[in-house]
Amino acid sequence: MPGALGFAAVDGRQLYVEECGSGPPVVLVHGFSLDARMWSRQQAAFAASHRVIAYDVRGFGRSSAAATEGTCHAEDLEALLAERGIDTAAVVGLSMGGIIAADFACRFPERVGALVLVDAAFGGFSWSESFLTDWLRFERLAEHDVAAARRAWLESALFRPTRAHPALRRELDGIVEGYSGWHWAQRIPVAGDPATAQRLGCIRAPTLVVVGEHDIPDFHASAAVFCDRIGRAEKAVIRSAGHLPNMEQPEAFNRLVLGFLARVLGPE
């Protein structure tokens, strides 16, 4: 459970933040339509050896609404670290959170001690036709019925492995129910900086690329690009997991990520 709950002032807006533990800082960045609650199985486990910060990205959860199409989530993350007095942190990002983490590692390399990209993509990634078609359907639904868009999103192939577990289905559905649908309705995807695709080779932090065995092909393809272009990247596949391995296989996920961090960061 988080030890401290509150808000951080970032660019005149409020980011909701949960913080617990002590030691080398680790920042957890959630996926699209989700919020910091998706990390509930990591916070206590990571806090045994790390200062853990999980936050709601601007426009999601309890944070301020997204302001403009030009909102830079990487800059929000940099401002959050400055507000917390953190010079360097390990950054763990899942899906959209991985897009933000990759942008952040390219823009602020001196801030990143280690990088963990979980079922992630990056700005400039070439999404499959099927993914783009589904995304257009969510946008069209959200124009008139956000609840219908959320249902279609949850029923997509992306979340099929997670929702196969009744308890996880209820938990995931409850989190997504709180998503406003703003990005769909405004047709503003959180797609990241297109320049990141050409700058991945500039990432110098040790990087762990994690993908769930049963995630959709787009994220397996993205993982392959990360491993090809990031010089210090290593890949791990979590068996019997889909797009949300931290929720579906938390013990395997925690063991993998904490082991990686201990190896690359060393003693405090």
Protein backbone atom coordinates (compact mmCIF):
# COMPACT_ATOMS: atom_id res chain seq x y z
CA MET A 1 0.00 0.00 0.00
CA PRO A 2 1.26 3.51 -0.75
CA GLY A 3 2.76 5.32 2.22
CA ALA A 4 1.90 8.84 1.04
CA LEU A 5 -0.90 10.06 -1.21
CA GLY A 6 -1.18 13.52 -2.66
CA PHE A 7 -0.72 15.85 -5.59
CA ALA A 8 2.30 17.42 -7.24
CA ALA A 9 2.03 20.78 -8.99
CA VAL A 10 3.32 20.40 -12.55
CA ASP A 11 3.02 23.16 -15.15
CA GLY A 12 0.16 24.75 -13.27
CA ARG A 13 -1.74 21.49 -13.00
CA GLN A 14 -2.00 18.67 -10.49
CA LEU A 15 -0.63 15.15 -10.86
CA TYR A 16 -1.90 12.58 -8.40
CA VAL A 17 1.03 10.74 -6.80
CA GLU A 18 1.42 7.71 -4.54
CA GLU A 19 4.80 7.22 -2.85
CA CYS A 20 6.17 4.54 -0.55
CA GLY A 21 9.45 2.91 0.49
CA SER A 22 13.01 4.17 0.52
CA GLY A 23 16.13 3.52 -1.50
CA PRO A 24 16.92 4.07 -5.19
CA PRO A 25 13.89 5.75 -6.80
CA VAL A 26 11.62 3.83 -9.17
CA VAL A 27 8.83 5.59 -11.08
CA LEU A 28 5.88 3.53 -12.37
CA VAL A 29 4.02 4.89 -15.42
CA HIS A 30 0.65 3.31 -16.25
CA GLY A 31 -1.02 2.36 -19.51
CA PHE A 32 -3.72 4.08 -21.56
CA SER A 33 -7.17 4.37 -19.91
CA LEU A 34 -5.62 3.15 -16.63
CA ASP A 35 -4.08 4.89 -13.62
CA ALA A 36 -1.74 4.22 -10.69
CA ARG A 37 -4.06 1.52 -9.34
CA MET A 38 -2.73 -0.89 -11.94
CA TRP A 39 0.53 -1.03 -9.95
CA SER A 40 -1.07 -2.17 -6.67
CA ARG A 41 0.75 -5.53 -6.84
CA GLN A 42 4.13 -3.84 -7.31
CA GLN A 43 4.15 -0.98 -4.83
CA ALA A 44 4.67 -2.91 -1.58
CA ALA A 45 7.03 -5.44 -3.20
CA PHE A 46 9.20 -2.73 -4.74
CA ALA A 47 9.08 -0.55 -1.61
CA ALA A 48 11.08 -3.14 0.33
CA SER A 49 14.19 -1.96 -1.55
CA HIS A 50 13.21 1.19 -3.44
CA ARG A 51 11.53 4.56 -3.15
CA VAL A 52 8.48 3.92 -5.31
CA ILE A 53 6.52 6.65 -7.06
CA ALA A 54 3.36 5.80 -9.00
CA TYR A 55 1.36 8.63 -10.52
CA ASP A 56 -1.66 9.26 -12.68
CA VAL A 57 -0.54 10.65 -16.04
CA ARG A 58 -2.12 13.98 -16.95
CA GLY A 59 -5.59 13.35 -18.34
CA PHE A 60 -6.05 10.06 -16.48
CA GLY A 61 -7.22 8.98 -13.03
CA ARG A 62 -7.17 11.72 -10.42
CA SER A 63 -4.74 14.02 -12.24
CA SER A 64 -5.74 17.21 -14.04
CA ALA A 65 -7.31 16.87 -17.45
CA ALA A 66 -5.03 16.96 -20.46
CA ALA A 67 -4.63 20.56 -21.58
CA THR A 68 -3.79 20.53 -25.28
CA GLU A 69 -2.73 18.31 -28.12
CA GLY A 70 0.82 19.41 -27.40
CA THR A 71 0.89 18.08 -23.83
CA CYS A 72 4.33 16.54 -23.30
CA HIS A 73 4.10 13.72 -20.80
CA ALA A 74 7.89 13.30 -20.76
CA GLU A 75 8.21 16.88 -19.54
CA ASP A 76 5.56 16.20 -16.90
CA LEU A 77 7.65 13.28 -15.67
CA GLU A 78 10.79 15.41 -15.58
CA ALA A 79 8.95 18.09 -13.61
CA LEU A 80 7.59 15.48 -11.21
CA LEU A 81 11.10 14.20 -10.47
CA ALA A 82 12.29 17.76 -9.89
CA GLU A 83 9.35 18.42 -7.56
CA ARG A 84 10.28 15.29 -5.58
CA GLY A 85 13.96 16.23 -5.43
CA ILE A 86 15.04 13.22 -7.52
CA ASP A 87 18.00 13.57 -9.86
CA THR A 88 18.00 10.04 -11.35
CA ALA A 89 15.42 7.27 -11.26
CA ALA A 90 14.63 3.90 -12.74
CA VAL A 91 11.57 4.32 -14.96
CA VAL A 92 9.11 1.47 -15.50
CA GLY A 93 6.48 2.14 -18.16
CA LEU A 94 3.74 -0.15 -19.48
CA SER A 95 2.12 0.33 -22.89
CA MET A 96 1.37 4.08 -23.09
CA GLY A 97 3.59 4.41 -20.00
CA GLY A 98 6.37 2.81 -22.05
CA ILE A 99 5.85 5.38 -24.80
CA ILE A 100 6.28 8.09 -22.17
CA ALA A 101 9.29 6.33 -20.63
CA ALA A 102 11.02 5.97 -24.02
CA ASP A 103 10.39 9.64 -24.84
CA PHE A 104 11.71 10.58 -21.40
CA ALA A 105 14.88 8.48 -21.80
CA CYS A 106 15.60 10.19 -25.14
CA ARG A 107 14.89 13.73 -23.92
CA PHE A 108 16.41 13.50 -20.43
CA PRO A 109 19.01 10.70 -20.54
CA GLU A 110 20.81 12.00 -17.46
CA ARG A 111 17.63 11.41 -15.43
CA VAL A 112 17.38 7.69 -16.21
CA GLY A 113 19.37 5.16 -14.20
CA ALA A 114 17.55 2.17 -15.65
CA LEU A 115 14.64 1.69 -18.03
CA VAL A 116 11.97 -1.02 -18.05
CA LEU A 117 9.64 -1.07 -21.07
CA VAL A 118 6.67 -3.39 -20.54
CA ASP A 119 4.47 -4.32 -23.51
CA ALA A 120 5.38 -0.88 -24.75
CA ALA A 121 5.62 1.05 -27.99
CA PHE A 122 7.30 4.33 -28.98
CA GLY A 123 6.64 7.51 -30.90
CA GLY A 124 6.93 6.79 -34.61
CA PHE A 125 6.07 3.09 -34.28
CA SER A 126 4.26 1.60 -37.29
CA TRP A 127 1.02 0.20 -35.87
CA SER A 128 -0.72 -2.63 -37.68
CA GLU A 129 -3.78 -1.94 -39.82
CA SER A 130 -5.95 -3.95 -37.44
CA PHE A 131 -4.84 -1.90 -34.43
CA LEU A 132 -5.44 1.38 -36.24
CA THR A 133 -8.86 0.22 -37.42
CA ASP A 134 -9.85 -0.67 -33.86
CA TRP A 135 -8.58 2.68 -32.58
CA LEU A 136 -10.67 4.55 -35.16
CA ARG A 137 -13.70 2.56 -33.99
CA PHE A 138 -13.11 3.64 -30.36
CA GLU A 139 -12.84 7.26 -31.46
CA ARG A 140 -16.07 7.10 -33.45
CA LEU A 141 -17.93 5.48 -30.56
CA ALA A 142 -16.61 8.06 -28.09
CA GLU A 143 -18.02 10.92 -30.17
CA HIS A 144 -21.51 9.97 -28.98
CA ASP A 145 -21.15 7.30 -26.28
CA VAL A 146 -17.98 7.13 -24.18
CA ALA A 147 -19.31 4.18 -22.19
CA ALA A 148 -19.69 2.20 -25.43
CA ALA A 149 -16.13 3.11 -26.44
CA ARG A 150 -14.83 1.91 -23.08
CA ARG A 151 -16.72 -1.39 -23.43
CA ALA A 152 -15.35 -1.95 -26.93
CA TRP A 153 -11.82 -1.14 -25.72
CA LEU A 154 -12.10 -3.65 -22.86
CA GLU A 155 -13.54 -6.32 -25.16
CA SER A 156 -10.70 -5.95 -27.69
CA ALA A 157 -8.01 -8.59 -28.12
CA LEU A 158 -5.61 -6.44 -26.10
CA PHE A 159 -7.27 -7.28 -22.79
CA ARG A 160 -8.59 -10.77 -23.54
CA PRO A 161 -5.91 -12.58 -21.47
CA THR A 162 -6.43 -10.27 -18.48
CA ARG A 163 -10.21 -10.45 -18.52
CA ALA A 164 -10.14 -14.25 -18.71
CA HIS A 165 -9.59 -14.10 -14.93
CA PRO A 166 -12.86 -13.06 -13.24
CA ALA A 167 -11.22 -11.10 -10.40
CA LEU A 168 -8.87 -9.29 -12.78
CA ARG A 169 -11.76 -8.59 -15.13
CA ARG A 170 -13.67 -6.82 -12.36
CA GLU A 171 -10.57 -4.89 -11.30
CA LEU A 172 -9.61 -3.81 -14.81
CA ASP A 173 -13.17 -2.88 -15.74
CA GLY A 174 -13.42 -0.77 -12.58
CA ILE A 175 -10.26 1.17 -13.43
CA VAL A 176 -11.22 1.77 -17.07
CA GLU A 177 -14.70 2.85 -16.01
CA GLY A 178 -13.08 5.95 -14.52
CA TYR A 179 -11.44 6.96 -17.82
CA SER A 180 -13.08 10.02 -19.34
CA GLY A 181 -12.59 9.02 -22.98
CA TRP A 182 -11.24 12.52 -23.67
CA HIS A 183 -8.42 11.38 -25.98
CA TRP A 184 -10.80 9.36 -28.15
CA ALA A 185 -13.44 12.06 -28.30
CA GLN A 186 -10.87 14.71 -29.21
CA ARG A 187 -9.01 12.30 -31.54
CA ILE A 188 -5.77 12.96 -29.70
CA PRO A 189 -3.87 9.69 -29.20
CA VAL A 190 -1.00 9.50 -26.75
CA ALA A 191 1.34 8.49 -29.53
CA GLY A 192 4.61 9.93 -28.24
CA ASP A 193 7.23 12.00 -30.02
CA PRO A 194 7.67 10.70 -33.61
CA ALA A 195 11.38 11.54 -33.35
CA THR A 196 11.83 8.86 -30.69
CA ALA A 197 11.82 6.14 -33.36
CA GLN A 198 15.07 7.56 -34.73
CA ARG A 199 16.57 8.32 -31.31
CA LEU A 200 16.23 4.94 -29.58
CA GLY A 201 19.89 4.29 -30.26
CA CYS A 202 20.73 7.28 -28.07
CA ILE A 203 19.34 5.56 -24.96
CA ARG A 204 22.31 4.61 -22.81
CA ALA A 205 20.58 3.39 -19.66
CA PRO A 206 20.46 -0.38 -19.12
CA THR A 207 17.07 -1.39 -20.47
CA LEU A 208 14.81 -4.37 -19.83
CA VAL A 209 12.19 -5.01 -22.51
CA VAL A 210 9.33 -7.11 -21.15
CA VAL A 211 6.50 -8.59 -23.19
CA GLY A 212 3.65 -10.88 -22.22
CA GLU A 213 3.67 -14.15 -24.12
CA HIS A 214 0.07 -13.69 -25.28
CA ASP A 215 0.09 -9.96 -26.03
CA ILE A 216 -1.02 -8.84 -29.49
CA PRO A 217 1.56 -8.88 -32.33
CA ASP A 218 2.09 -5.10 -32.35
CA PHE A 219 3.76 -5.16 -28.95
CA HIS A 220 5.95 -8.14 -29.80
CA ALA A 221 7.04 -6.24 -32.90
CA SER A 222 7.77 -3.13 -30.86
CA ALA A 223 9.80 -5.17 -28.36
CA ALA A 224 11.93 -6.47 -31.21
CA VAL A 225 12.63 -2.90 -32.38
CA PHE A 226 13.62 -1.83 -28.86
CA CYS A 227 16.07 -4.70 -28.60
CA ASP A 228 17.51 -3.99 -32.03
CA ARG A 229 18.03 -0.25 -31.53
CA ILE A 230 18.81 0.22 -27.83
CA GLY A 231 22.40 -0.75 -27.20
CA ARG A 232 22.03 -2.03 -23.62
CA ALA A 233 18.64 -3.70 -24.01
CA GLU A 234 17.74 -7.21 -22.95
CA LYS A 235 14.42 -8.95 -23.49
CA ALA A 236 12.26 -11.12 -21.25
CA VAL A 237 8.98 -12.86 -22.06
CA ILE A 238 6.55 -13.49 -19.22
CA ARG A 239 4.76 -16.77 -19.82
CA SER A 240 1.01 -17.14 -19.48
CA ALA A 241 0.54 -13.36 -19.60
CA GLY A 242 -0.93 -10.87 -22.04
CA HIS A 243 -0.76 -7.10 -22.18
CA LEU A 244 -0.77 -6.58 -18.40
CA PRO A 245 1.79 -9.05 -17.04
CA ASN A 246 2.24 -7.06 -13.83
CA MET A 247 -1.41 -7.82 -12.98
CA GLU A 248 -1.70 -11.28 -14.54
CA GLN A 249 1.60 -12.74 -13.30
CA PRO A 250 2.71 -10.35 -10.52
CA GLU A 251 5.15 -12.68 -8.76
CA ALA A 252 7.03 -13.43 -11.99
CA PHE A 253 6.93 -9.76 -12.99
CA ASN A 254 8.19 -8.49 -9.63
CA ARG A 255 10.97 -11.07 -9.46
CA LEU A 256 12.10 -10.21 -12.99
CA VAL A 257 12.09 -6.42 -12.63
CA LEU A 258 13.53 -6.29 -9.11
CA GLY A 259 16.27 -8.71 -10.12
CA PHE A 260 17.13 -6.54 -13.11
CA LEU A 261 17.21 -3.36 -11.02
CA ALA A 262 19.39 -4.96 -8.36
CA ARG A 263 21.81 -6.13 -11.04
CA VAL A 264 22.13 -2.88 -12.99
CA LEU A 265 21.81 -0.33 -10.20
CA GLY A 266 23.87 -2.14 -7.58
CA PRO A 267 23.85 -1.13 -3.90
CA GLU A 268 22.45 2.26 -2.97
